[in-house]
Amino acid sequence: MTAFWVCYPTAWIIGPSGVGWTQQATETTAFIFLPILSKIGFSLLDLGRLRRLNLPSVDG
């Protein structure tokens, strides 16, 4: 999960705002997809840990 968060400053550093190794479109695309991928990854991690809790079920 930390890998996703390391990608944010990396995308900024290699983009035109940093050293300029990539184009603006590449940096923008990275900043569009990184939050989506991060949220999916953290949601899956959270769901897995919630399933391990074995909470008692509530019968309505």
PDB file of N, CA and C in Angstrom:
ATOM      1  N   MET A   1       0.811  -1.183   0.000  1.00  0.00           N
ATOM      2  CA  MET A   1       0.000   0.000   0.000  1.00  0.00           C
ATOM      3  C   MET A   1       0.864   1.260   0.000  1.00  0.00           C
ATOM      4  N   THR A   2       1.993   1.173   0.643  1.00  0.00           N
ATOM      5  CA  THR A   2       2.880   2.326   0.681  1.00  0.00           C
ATOM      6  C   THR A   2       3.381   2.671  -0.712  1.00  0.00           C
ATOM      7  N   ALA A   3       3.461   1.672  -1.570  1.00  0.00           N
ATOM      8  CA  ALA A   3       3.956   1.911  -2.931  1.00  0.00           C
ATOM      9  C   ALA A   3       3.083   2.918  -3.669  1.00  0.00           C
ATOM     10  N   PHE A   4       1.768   2.861  -3.448  1.00  0.00           N
ATOM     11  CA  PHE A   4       0.885   3.827  -4.095  1.00  0.00           C
ATOM     12  C   PHE A   4       1.197   5.244  -3.622  1.00  0.00           C
ATOM     13  N   TRP A   5       1.444   5.402  -2.332  1.00  0.00           N
ATOM     14  CA  TRP A   5       1.689   6.739  -1.794  1.00  0.00           C
ATOM     15  C   TRP A   5       3.064   7.257  -2.192  1.00  0.00           C
ATOM     16  N   VAL A   6       4.009   6.365  -2.448  1.00  0.00           N
ATOM     17  CA  VAL A   6       5.333   6.780  -2.915  1.00  0.00           C
ATOM     18  C   VAL A   6       5.246   7.274  -4.360  1.00  0.00           C
ATOM     19  N   CYS A   7       4.257   6.786  -5.103  1.00  0.00           N
ATOM     20  CA  CYS A   7       4.106   7.174  -6.507  1.00  0.00           C
ATOM     21  C   CYS A   7       3.705   8.636  -6.666  1.00  0.00           C
ATOM     22  N   TYR A   8       2.994   9.196  -5.702  1.00  0.00           N
ATOM     23  CA  TYR A   8       2.565  10.598  -5.820  1.00  0.00           C
ATOM     24  C   TYR A   8       3.761  11.554  -5.924  1.00  0.00           C
ATOM     25  N   PRO A   9       4.666  11.562  -4.959  1.00  0.00           N
ATOM     26  CA  PRO A   9       5.804  12.481  -5.103  1.00  0.00           C
ATOM     27  C   PRO A   9       6.717  12.108  -6.270  1.00  0.00           C
ATOM     28  N   THR A  10       6.793  10.814  -6.582  1.00  0.00           N
ATOM     29  CA  THR A  10       7.616  10.383  -7.707  1.00  0.00           C
ATOM     30  C   THR A  10       7.064  10.943  -9.017  1.00  0.00           C
ATOM     31  N   ALA A  11       5.737  10.867  -9.186  1.00  0.00           N
ATOM     32  CA  ALA A  11       5.114  11.420 -10.399  1.00  0.00           C
ATOM     33  C   ALA A  11       5.347  12.923 -10.481  1.00  0.00           C
ATOM     34  N   TRP A  12       5.299  13.586  -9.354  1.00  0.00           N
ATOM     35  CA  TRP A  12       5.521  15.033  -9.360  1.00  0.00           C
ATOM     36  C   TRP A  12       6.984  15.358  -9.692  1.00  0.00           C
ATOM     37  N   ILE A  13       7.916  14.612  -9.096  1.00  0.00           N
ATOM     38  CA  ILE A  13       9.349  14.879  -9.298  1.00  0.00           C
ATOM     39  C   ILE A  13       9.749  14.661 -10.749  1.00  0.00           C
ATOM     40  N   ILE A  14       9.283  13.564 -11.363  1.00  0.00           N
ATOM     41  CA  ILE A  14       9.704  13.293 -12.745  1.00  0.00           C
ATOM     42  C   ILE A  14       8.881  14.063 -13.769  1.00  0.00           C
ATOM     43  N   GLY A  15       7.805  14.704 -13.337  1.00  0.00           N
ATOM     44  CA  GLY A  15       6.954  15.481 -14.240  1.00  0.00           C
ATOM     45  C   GLY A  15       7.515  16.857 -14.532  1.00  0.00           C
ATOM     46  N   PRO A  16       6.795  17.637 -15.315  1.00  0.00           N
ATOM     47  CA  PRO A  16       7.252  18.976 -15.684  1.00  0.00           C
ATOM     48  C   PRO A  16       7.369  19.928 -14.495  1.00  0.00           C
ATOM     49  N   SER A  17       6.644  19.656 -13.428  1.00  0.00           N
ATOM     50  CA  SER A  17       6.762  20.485 -12.220  1.00  0.00           C
ATOM     51  C   SER A  17       8.077  20.243 -11.492  1.00  0.00           C
ATOM     52  N   GLY A  18       8.654  19.062 -11.712  1.00  0.00           N
ATOM     53  CA  GLY A  18       9.928  18.714 -11.081  1.00  0.00           C
ATOM     54  C   GLY A  18      11.076  18.848 -12.061  1.00  0.00           C
ATOM     55  N   VAL A  19      11.653  17.711 -12.420  1.00  0.00           N
ATOM     56  CA  VAL A  19      12.817  17.724 -13.310  1.00  0.00           C
ATOM     57  C   VAL A  19      12.453  17.705 -14.801  1.00  0.00           C
ATOM     58  N   GLY A  20      11.189  17.436 -15.107  1.00  0.00           N
ATOM     59  CA  GLY A  20      10.742  17.516 -16.496  1.00  0.00           C
ATOM     60  C   GLY A  20      11.051  16.308 -17.351  1.00  0.00           C
ATOM     61  N   TRP A  21      11.123  15.135 -16.773  1.00  0.00           N
ATOM     62  CA  TRP A  21      11.411  13.933 -17.555  1.00  0.00           C
ATOM     63  C   TRP A  21      10.189  13.412 -18.302  1.00  0.00           C
ATOM     64  N   THR A  22       8.989  13.797 -17.860  1.00  0.00           N
ATOM     65  CA  THR A  22       7.770  13.360 -18.537  1.00  0.00           C
ATOM     66  C   THR A  22       6.959  14.581 -18.963  1.00  0.00           C
ATOM     67  N   GLN A  23       5.987  14.345 -19.809  1.00  0.00           N
ATOM     68  CA  GLN A  23       5.135  15.433 -20.293  1.00  0.00           C
ATOM     69  C   GLN A  23       4.004  15.705 -19.307  1.00  0.00           C
ATOM     70  N   GLN A  24       3.347  16.831 -19.494  1.00  0.00           N
ATOM     71  CA  GLN A  24       2.235  17.227 -18.630  1.00  0.00           C
ATOM     72  C   GLN A  24       1.100  16.205 -18.685  1.00  0.00           C
ATOM     73  N   ALA A  25       0.834  15.666 -19.867  1.00  0.00           N
ATOM     74  CA  ALA A  25      -0.246  14.688 -20.014  1.00  0.00           C
ATOM     75  C   ALA A  25       0.029  13.426 -19.198  1.00  0.00           C
ATOM     76  N   THR A  26       1.286  13.012 -19.147  1.00  0.00           N
ATOM     77  CA  THR A  26       1.655  11.833 -18.380  1.00  0.00           C
ATOM     78  C   THR A  26       1.466  12.086 -16.885  1.00  0.00           C
ATOM     79  N   GLU A  27       1.884  13.250 -16.431  1.00  0.00           N
ATOM     80  CA  GLU A  27       1.727  13.596 -15.021  1.00  0.00           C
ATOM     81  C   GLU A  27       0.246  13.688 -14.653  1.00  0.00           C
ATOM     82  N   THR A  28      -0.544  14.297 -15.507  1.00  0.00           N
ATOM     83  CA  THR A  28      -1.978  14.420 -15.254  1.00  0.00           C
ATOM     84  C   THR A  28      -2.644  13.046 -15.205  1.00  0.00           C
ATOM     85  N   THR A  29      -2.277  12.181 -16.144  1.00  0.00           N
ATOM     86  CA  THR A  29      -2.821  10.821 -16.163  1.00  0.00           C
ATOM     87  C   THR A  29      -2.454  10.071 -14.890  1.00  0.00           C
ATOM     88  N   ALA A  30      -1.225  10.233 -14.442  1.00  0.00           N
ATOM     89  CA  ALA A  30      -0.797   9.575 -13.199  1.00  0.00           C
ATOM     90  C   ALA A  30      -1.622  10.070 -12.018  1.00  0.00           C
ATOM     91  N   PHE A  31      -1.874  11.369 -11.953  1.00  0.00           N
ATOM     92  CA  PHE A  31      -2.644  11.917 -10.842  1.00  0.00           C
ATOM     93  C   PHE A  31      -4.132  11.612 -10.955  1.00  0.00           C
ATOM     94  N   ILE A  32      -4.575  11.159 -12.100  1.00  0.00           N
ATOM     95  CA  ILE A  32      -5.960  10.697 -12.231  1.00  0.00           C
ATOM     96  C   ILE A  32      -6.080   9.259 -11.738  1.00  0.00           C
ATOM     97  N   PHE A  33      -5.131   8.407 -12.137  1.00  0.00           N
ATOM     98  CA  PHE A  33      -5.239   6.988 -11.815  1.00  0.00           C
ATOM     99  C   PHE A  33      -4.696   6.611 -10.443  1.00  0.00           C
ATOM    100  N   LEU A  34      -3.734   7.342  -9.919  1.00  0.00           N
ATOM    101  CA  LEU A  34      -3.182   6.998  -8.607  1.00  0.00           C
ATOM    102  C   LEU A  34      -4.231   7.000  -7.493  1.00  0.00           C
ATOM    103  N   PRO A  35      -5.097   7.993  -7.388  1.00  0.00           N
ATOM    104  CA  PRO A  35      -6.111   7.934  -6.333  1.00  0.00           C
ATOM    105  C   PRO A  35      -7.081   6.766  -6.503  1.00  0.00           C
ATOM    106  N   ILE A  36      -7.419   6.460  -7.745  1.00  0.00           N
ATOM    107  CA  ILE A  36      -8.330   5.344  -7.999  1.00  0.00           C
ATOM    108  C   ILE A  36      -7.690   4.040  -7.540  1.00  0.00           C
ATOM    109  N   LEU A  37      -6.451   3.808  -7.945  1.00  0.00           N
ATOM    110  CA  LEU A  37      -5.754   2.584  -7.558  1.00  0.00           C
ATOM    111  C   LEU A  37      -5.520   2.520  -6.050  1.00  0.00           C
ATOM    112  N   SER A  38      -5.196   3.651  -5.454  1.00  0.00           N
ATOM    113  CA  SER A  38      -4.975   3.689  -4.008  1.00  0.00           C
ATOM    114  C   SER A  38      -6.245   3.348  -3.246  1.00  0.00           C
ATOM    115  N   LYS A  39      -7.352   3.908  -3.679  1.00  0.00           N
ATOM    116  CA  LYS A  39      -8.620   3.647  -2.991  1.00  0.00           C
ATOM    117  C   LYS A  39      -9.044   2.198  -3.139  1.00  0.00           C
ATOM    118  N   ILE A  40      -8.839   1.625  -4.299  1.00  0.00           N
ATOM    119  CA  ILE A  40      -9.158   0.207  -4.489  1.00  0.00           C
ATOM    120  C   ILE A  40      -8.282  -0.652  -3.587  1.00  0.00           C
ATOM    121  N   GLY A  41      -6.995  -0.364  -3.563  1.00  0.00           N
ATOM    122  CA  GLY A  41      -6.073  -1.140  -2.731  1.00  0.00           C
ATOM    123  C   GLY A  41      -6.390  -1.035  -1.248  1.00  0.00           C
ATOM    124  N   PHE A  42      -6.625   0.178  -0.758  1.00  0.00           N
ATOM    125  CA  PHE A  42      -6.946   0.351   0.652  1.00  0.00           C
ATOM    126  C   PHE A  42      -8.308  -0.254   0.987  1.00  0.00           C
ATOM    127  N   SER A  43      -9.259  -0.197   0.070  1.00  0.00           N
ATOM    128  CA  SER A  43     -10.570  -0.803   0.318  1.00  0.00           C
ATOM    129  C   SER A  43     -10.462  -2.315   0.438  1.00  0.00           C
ATOM    130  N   LEU A  44      -9.688  -2.924  -0.432  1.00  0.00           N
ATOM    131  CA  LEU A  44      -9.492  -4.375  -0.348  1.00  0.00           C
ATOM    132  C   LEU A  44      -8.781  -4.765   0.950  1.00  0.00           C
ATOM    133  N   LEU A  45      -7.798  -3.990   1.336  1.00  0.00           N
ATOM    134  CA  LEU A  45      -7.103  -4.255   2.593  1.00  0.00           C
ATOM    135  C   LEU A  45      -8.054  -4.116   3.776  1.00  0.00           C
ATOM    136  N   ASP A  46      -8.853  -3.064   3.784  1.00  0.00           N
ATOM    137  CA  ASP A  46      -9.803  -2.833   4.856  1.00  0.00           C
ATOM    138  C   ASP A  46     -10.856  -3.931   4.911  1.00  0.00           C
ATOM    139  N   LEU A  47     -11.373  -4.329   3.770  1.00  0.00           N
ATOM    140  CA  LEU A  47     -12.373  -5.386   3.710  1.00  0.00           C
ATOM    141  C   LEU A  47     -11.817  -6.698   4.238  1.00  0.00           C
ATOM    142  N   GLY A  48     -10.590  -7.011   3.869  1.00  0.00           N
ATOM    143  CA  GLY A  48      -9.961  -8.238   4.360  1.00  0.00           C
ATOM    144  C   GLY A  48      -9.801  -8.242   5.867  1.00  0.00           C
ATOM    145  N   ARG A  49      -9.426  -7.099   6.422  1.00  0.00           N
ATOM    146  CA  ARG A  49      -9.262  -7.019   7.878  1.00  0.00           C
ATOM    147  C   ARG A  49     -10.612  -7.037   8.594  1.00  0.00           C
ATOM    148  N   LEU A  50     -11.634  -6.466   7.993  1.00  0.00           N
ATOM    149  CA  LEU A  50     -12.968  -6.526   8.596  1.00  0.00           C
ATOM    150  C   LEU A  50     -13.498  -7.950   8.625  1.00  0.00           C
ATOM    151  N   ARG A  51     -13.228  -8.703   7.593  1.00  0.00           N
ATOM    152  CA  ARG A  51     -13.681 -10.103   7.556  1.00  0.00           C
ATOM    153  C   ARG A  51     -12.978 -10.945   8.618  1.00  0.00           C
ATOM    154  N   ARG A  52     -11.768 -10.583   8.982  1.00  0.00           N
ATOM    155  CA  ARG A  52     -11.039 -11.327  10.006  1.00  0.00           C
ATOM    156  C   ARG A  52     -11.523 -11.035  11.421  1.00  0.00           C
ATOM    157  N   LEU A  53     -12.305  -9.992  11.598  1.00  0.00           N
ATOM    158  CA  LEU A  53     -12.781  -9.641  12.936  1.00  0.00           C
ATOM    159  C   LEU A  53     -13.775 -10.652  13.495  1.00  0.00           C
ATOM    160  N   ASN A  54     -14.511 -11.333  12.632  1.00  0.00           N
ATOM    161  CA  ASN A  54     -15.524 -12.304  13.050  1.00  0.00           C
ATOM    162  C   ASN A  54     -16.508 -11.698  14.050  1.00  0.00           C
ATOM    163  N   LEU A  55     -17.093 -10.592  13.671  1.00  0.00           N
ATOM    164  CA  LEU A  55     -18.084  -9.954  14.520  1.00  0.00           C
ATOM    165  C   LEU A  55     -19.358 -10.790  14.556  1.00  0.00           C
ATOM    166  N   PRO A  56     -20.039 -10.805  15.686  1.00  0.00           N
ATOM    167  CA  PRO A  56     -21.300 -11.562  15.729  1.00  0.00           C
ATOM    168  C   PRO A  56     -22.335 -10.929  14.816  1.00  0.00           C
ATOM    169  N   SER A  57     -23.122 -11.751  14.175  1.00  0.00           N
ATOM    170  CA  SER A  57     -24.126 -11.213  13.268  1.00  0.00           C
ATOM    171  C   SER A  57     -25.304 -10.670  14.050  1.00  0.00           C
ATOM    172  N   VAL A  58     -25.934  -9.688  13.457  1.00  0.00           N
ATOM    173  CA  VAL A  58     -27.110  -9.075  14.070  1.00  0.00           C
ATOM    174  C   VAL A  58     -28.332  -9.586  13.334  1.00  0.00           C
ATOM    175  N   ASP A  59     -29.182 -10.334  14.025  1.00  0.00           N
ATOM    176  CA  ASP A  59     -30.396 -10.845  13.408  1.00  0.00           C
ATOM    177  C   ASP A  59     -31.525  -9.873  13.616  1.00  0.00           C
ATOM    178  N   GLY A  60     -32.154  -9.446  12.496  1.00  0.00           N
ATOM    179  CA  GLY A  60     -33.201  -8.440  12.547  1.00  0.00           C
ATOM    180  C   GLY A  60     -34.496  -9.059  12.812  1.00  0.00           C
TER     181      GLY A  60
END
